[in-house]
């Protein structure tokens, strides 16, 4: 893997520092780049075409890192080759696993996995294989829950944000946000925002 680089995307400084330290000790990459947000990740990827793999925490503030892979597939890197993507999560949410599969992510691990497993995942993905933690795969066999985008919007609703504000923050139109909220109401069996929040929290979806 010499001559190649990895990008670590994590908004928690301590966690990011631990990941970077472990990767440096492994000595498998010439360069290890860091980012704290989806926007910083795009900047790093555009400036550093030597990045061959992205390791990203799913939850990045008010955004989800799945947007990084979506953006790359929509052409934000121009003619650059799309790096492999492995996502990390501290939450056992089946919807995250389904979302990762739906966007053709290369790997998905729990954040409390061992560094040994992380190295196995990275090696497998760079060999052209998929690597999803067995714990996550088992969890995803339960009923389909909210998508990561719906969870993102519901969390914004919990903070009292308006449709217009949510739309601006996640890069969608107000009409699209309304459609997402309609779907959230259906999935949570709710008729208003408060019911949707309460029902989703009772089910452990947020």
Protein backbone atom coordinates (compact mmCIF):
# COMPACT_ATOMS: atom_id res chain seq x y z
CA UNK A 1 0.00 0.00 0.00
CA UNK A 2 3.03 2.33 -0.24
CA UNK A 3 2.57 5.50 -2.26
CA UNK A 4 -1.06 5.77 -1.18
CA UNK A 5 -3.00 7.80 1.36
CA UNK A 6 -6.00 7.45 3.64
CA UNK A 7 -8.45 10.14 4.79
CA UNK A 8 -9.89 9.94 8.31
CA UNK A 9 -13.15 11.87 8.75
CA UNK A 10 -14.20 12.22 12.40
CA UNK A 11 -15.54 15.28 14.23
CA UNK A 12 -14.47 14.13 17.71
CA UNK A 13 -10.84 15.13 18.20
CA UNK A 14 -9.91 12.37 20.64
CA UNK A 15 -11.40 9.60 18.50
CA UNK A 16 -9.77 11.01 15.35
CA UNK A 17 -6.40 11.25 17.10
CA UNK A 18 -6.64 7.61 18.23
CA UNK A 19 -7.50 6.43 14.71
CA UNK A 20 -4.65 8.42 13.19
CA UNK A 21 -2.19 7.15 15.82
CA UNK A 22 -3.18 3.56 15.12
CA UNK A 23 -2.83 4.03 11.37
CA UNK A 24 0.59 5.65 11.79
CA UNK A 25 1.75 2.72 13.93
CA UNK A 26 0.52 0.32 11.24
CA UNK A 27 2.72 2.17 8.74
CA UNK A 28 0.64 1.04 5.74
CA UNK A 29 0.12 4.46 4.16
CA UNK A 30 2.51 7.19 3.08
CA UNK A 31 0.08 9.93 4.10
CA UNK A 32 -2.79 10.13 6.57
CA UNK A 33 -5.09 13.10 6.03
CA UNK A 34 -7.74 14.35 8.45
CA UNK A 35 -11.11 16.09 8.19
CA UNK A 36 -13.83 17.01 10.69
CA UNK A 37 -16.81 17.44 8.36
CA UNK A 38 -18.28 16.50 5.00
CA UNK A 39 -17.14 19.85 3.57
CA UNK A 40 -13.57 19.42 4.84
CA UNK A 41 -13.54 15.89 3.43
CA UNK A 42 -14.40 17.18 -0.06
CA UNK A 43 -11.66 19.81 0.23
CA UNK A 44 -9.10 17.20 1.23
CA UNK A 45 -10.17 14.82 -1.53
CA UNK A 46 -9.92 17.52 -4.18
CA UNK A 47 -6.48 18.64 -2.98
CA UNK A 48 -5.05 15.15 -2.48
CA UNK A 49 -5.71 12.74 -5.37
CA UNK A 50 -3.41 10.18 -3.71
CA UNK A 51 -6.22 9.29 -1.27
CA UNK A 52 -7.33 5.75 -2.09
CA UNK A 53 -9.59 5.10 0.89
CA UNK A 54 -11.82 7.14 3.21
CA UNK A 55 -12.52 6.10 6.81
CA UNK A 56 -15.48 8.10 8.11
CA UNK A 57 -17.72 8.24 11.16
CA UNK A 58 -21.35 8.20 10.01
CA UNK A 59 -22.49 10.98 12.36
CA UNK A 60 -20.72 14.28 11.67
CA UNK A 61 -22.57 17.00 13.55
CA UNK A 62 -25.79 17.70 11.63
CA UNK A 63 -24.60 15.74 8.59
CA UNK A 64 -24.06 12.07 7.78
CA UNK A 65 -20.83 10.98 6.13
CA UNK A 66 -22.77 8.93 3.58
CA UNK A 67 -23.00 12.30 1.80
CA UNK A 68 -19.27 12.02 1.05
CA UNK A 69 -19.76 8.90 -1.05
CA UNK A 70 -22.93 10.28 -2.61
CA UNK A 71 -21.10 13.47 -3.55
CA UNK A 72 -18.20 11.60 -5.12
CA UNK A 73 -20.58 9.52 -7.18
CA UNK A 74 -22.26 12.74 -8.34
CA UNK A 75 -18.92 14.02 -9.63
CA UNK A 76 -17.53 16.39 -7.00
CA UNK A 77 -14.04 15.01 -7.69
CA UNK A 78 -14.29 15.54 -11.43
CA UNK A 79 -12.26 12.94 -13.30
CA UNK A 80 -10.52 11.64 -10.16
CA UNK A 81 -11.02 8.00 -9.30
CA UNK A 82 -13.48 7.51 -6.42
CA UNK A 83 -11.68 6.22 -3.29
CA UNK A 84 -12.96 3.23 -1.37
CA UNK A 85 -15.16 4.14 1.63
CA UNK A 86 -15.42 2.46 5.03
CA UNK A 87 -17.92 3.89 7.51
CA UNK A 88 -17.85 3.68 11.31
CA UNK A 89 -20.71 3.99 13.79
CA UNK A 90 -21.15 3.83 17.54
CA UNK A 91 -24.87 3.13 17.13
CA UNK A 92 -26.53 -0.18 16.31
CA UNK A 93 -29.01 1.28 13.84
CA UNK A 94 -30.16 -1.16 11.14
CA UNK A 95 -31.13 1.81 8.97
CA UNK A 96 -27.46 2.86 8.79
CA UNK A 97 -26.48 -0.56 7.48
CA UNK A 98 -29.24 -0.54 4.88
CA UNK A 99 -28.25 2.97 3.82
CA UNK A 100 -24.59 1.98 3.50
CA UNK A 101 -25.53 -0.96 1.31
CA UNK A 102 -27.88 1.13 -0.80
CA UNK A 103 -25.08 3.56 -1.73
CA UNK A 104 -22.64 0.67 -2.32
CA UNK A 105 -20.29 1.44 0.57
CA UNK A 106 -17.20 -0.75 0.71
CA UNK A 107 -17.23 -1.39 4.44
CA UNK A 108 -18.97 -0.70 7.72
CA UNK A 109 -17.70 -1.27 11.26
CA UNK A 110 -18.72 -0.53 14.82
CA UNK A 111 -16.49 2.12 16.40
CA UNK A 112 -15.68 -0.21 19.28
CA UNK A 113 -14.29 -2.86 16.93
CA UNK A 114 -10.66 -3.82 17.54
CA UNK A 115 -7.93 -2.14 15.54
CA UNK A 116 -7.05 -5.61 14.27
CA UNK A 117 -10.49 -5.85 12.66
CA UNK A 118 -10.15 -2.33 11.25
CA UNK A 119 -6.88 -3.36 9.55
CA UNK A 120 -8.59 -6.48 8.20
CA UNK A 121 -11.42 -4.36 6.83
CA UNK A 122 -9.08 -1.87 5.16
CA UNK A 123 -6.98 -4.65 3.62
CA UNK A 124 -10.06 -6.48 2.35
CA UNK A 125 -11.59 -3.35 0.84
CA UNK A 126 -8.32 -2.41 -0.91
CA UNK A 127 -8.31 -5.93 -2.35
CA UNK A 128 -11.67 -5.19 -3.93
CA UNK A 129 -13.84 -6.95 -1.35
CA UNK A 130 -16.70 -5.72 0.84
CA UNK A 131 -16.31 -5.77 4.61
CA UNK A 132 -19.34 -5.36 6.86
CA UNK A 133 -19.02 -6.19 10.55
CA UNK A 134 -20.89 -9.40 11.35
CA UNK A 135 -22.56 -7.65 14.29
CA UNK A 136 -23.96 -4.96 11.99
CA UNK A 137 -25.12 -7.44 9.39
CA UNK A 138 -27.02 -9.43 12.01
CA UNK A 139 -28.64 -6.26 13.30
CA UNK A 140 -29.76 -5.23 9.83
CA UNK A 141 -32.00 -8.29 9.54
CA UNK A 142 -34.63 -6.55 11.67
CA UNK A 143 -37.42 -4.48 10.15
CA UNK A 144 -36.49 -1.53 7.97
CA UNK A 145 -36.38 1.68 9.99
CA UNK A 146 -35.75 5.30 9.10
CA UNK A 147 -33.10 6.08 6.51
CA UNK A 148 -30.02 8.05 7.59
CA UNK A 149 -31.42 11.14 5.84
CA UNK A 150 -34.75 10.77 7.68
CA UNK A 151 -32.89 10.42 10.98
CA UNK A 152 -30.85 13.51 10.12
CA UNK A 153 -34.02 15.50 9.42
CA UNK A 154 -35.78 14.17 12.52
CA UNK A 155 -32.84 15.20 14.69
CA UNK A 156 -33.04 18.67 13.15
CA UNK A 157 -36.75 18.77 13.95
CA UNK A 158 -35.92 17.86 17.55
CA UNK A 159 -33.78 21.01 17.69
CA UNK A 160 -36.78 23.08 16.61
CA UNK A 161 -35.49 23.87 13.12
CA UNK A 162 -37.88 24.90 10.36
CA UNK A 163 -38.23 23.13 7.02
CA UNK A 164 -36.47 26.05 5.32
CA UNK A 165 -33.52 25.89 7.72
CA UNK A 166 -33.25 22.12 7.42
CA UNK A 167 -33.33 22.34 3.63
CA UNK A 168 -30.49 24.87 3.60
CA UNK A 169 -28.35 22.81 5.99
CA UNK A 170 -28.68 19.47 4.18
CA UNK A 171 -28.69 20.85 0.65
CA UNK A 172 -32.25 19.95 -0.32
CA UNK A 173 -35.28 21.91 -1.46
CA UNK A 174 -38.01 22.73 1.04
CA UNK A 175 -40.39 20.53 -0.93
CA UNK A 176 -38.05 17.56 -0.67
CA UNK A 177 -37.73 18.08 3.09
CA UNK A 178 -41.55 18.09 3.34
CA UNK A 179 -41.62 14.78 1.46
CA UNK A 180 -39.09 13.31 3.89
CA UNK A 181 -41.17 14.49 6.84
CA UNK A 182 -44.28 12.93 5.30
CA UNK A 183 -42.40 9.61 5.06
CA UNK A 184 -41.21 9.99 8.66
CA UNK A 185 -44.82 10.47 9.81
CA UNK A 186 -45.84 7.29 7.99
CA UNK A 187 -42.98 5.20 9.37
CA UNK A 188 -43.47 6.45 12.93
CA UNK A 189 -47.27 6.27 12.73
CA UNK A 190 -47.49 9.95 13.66
CA UNK A 191 -49.67 12.89 12.65
CA UNK A 192 -47.34 15.68 13.78
CA UNK A 193 -43.71 16.39 14.61
CA UNK A 194 -44.00 15.83 18.34
CA UNK A 195 -45.60 12.41 17.84
CA UNK A 196 -42.94 11.49 15.31
CA UNK A 197 -40.17 12.37 17.74
CA UNK A 198 -41.76 10.56 20.67
CA UNK A 199 -42.53 7.42 18.66
CA UNK A 200 -39.07 7.31 17.08
CA UNK A 201 -37.41 7.72 20.48
CA UNK A 202 -39.57 4.97 22.01
CA UNK A 203 -38.50 2.61 19.22
CA UNK A 204 -34.84 3.56 19.70
CA UNK A 205 -34.53 4.95 16.18
CA UNK A 206 -33.00 8.25 17.32
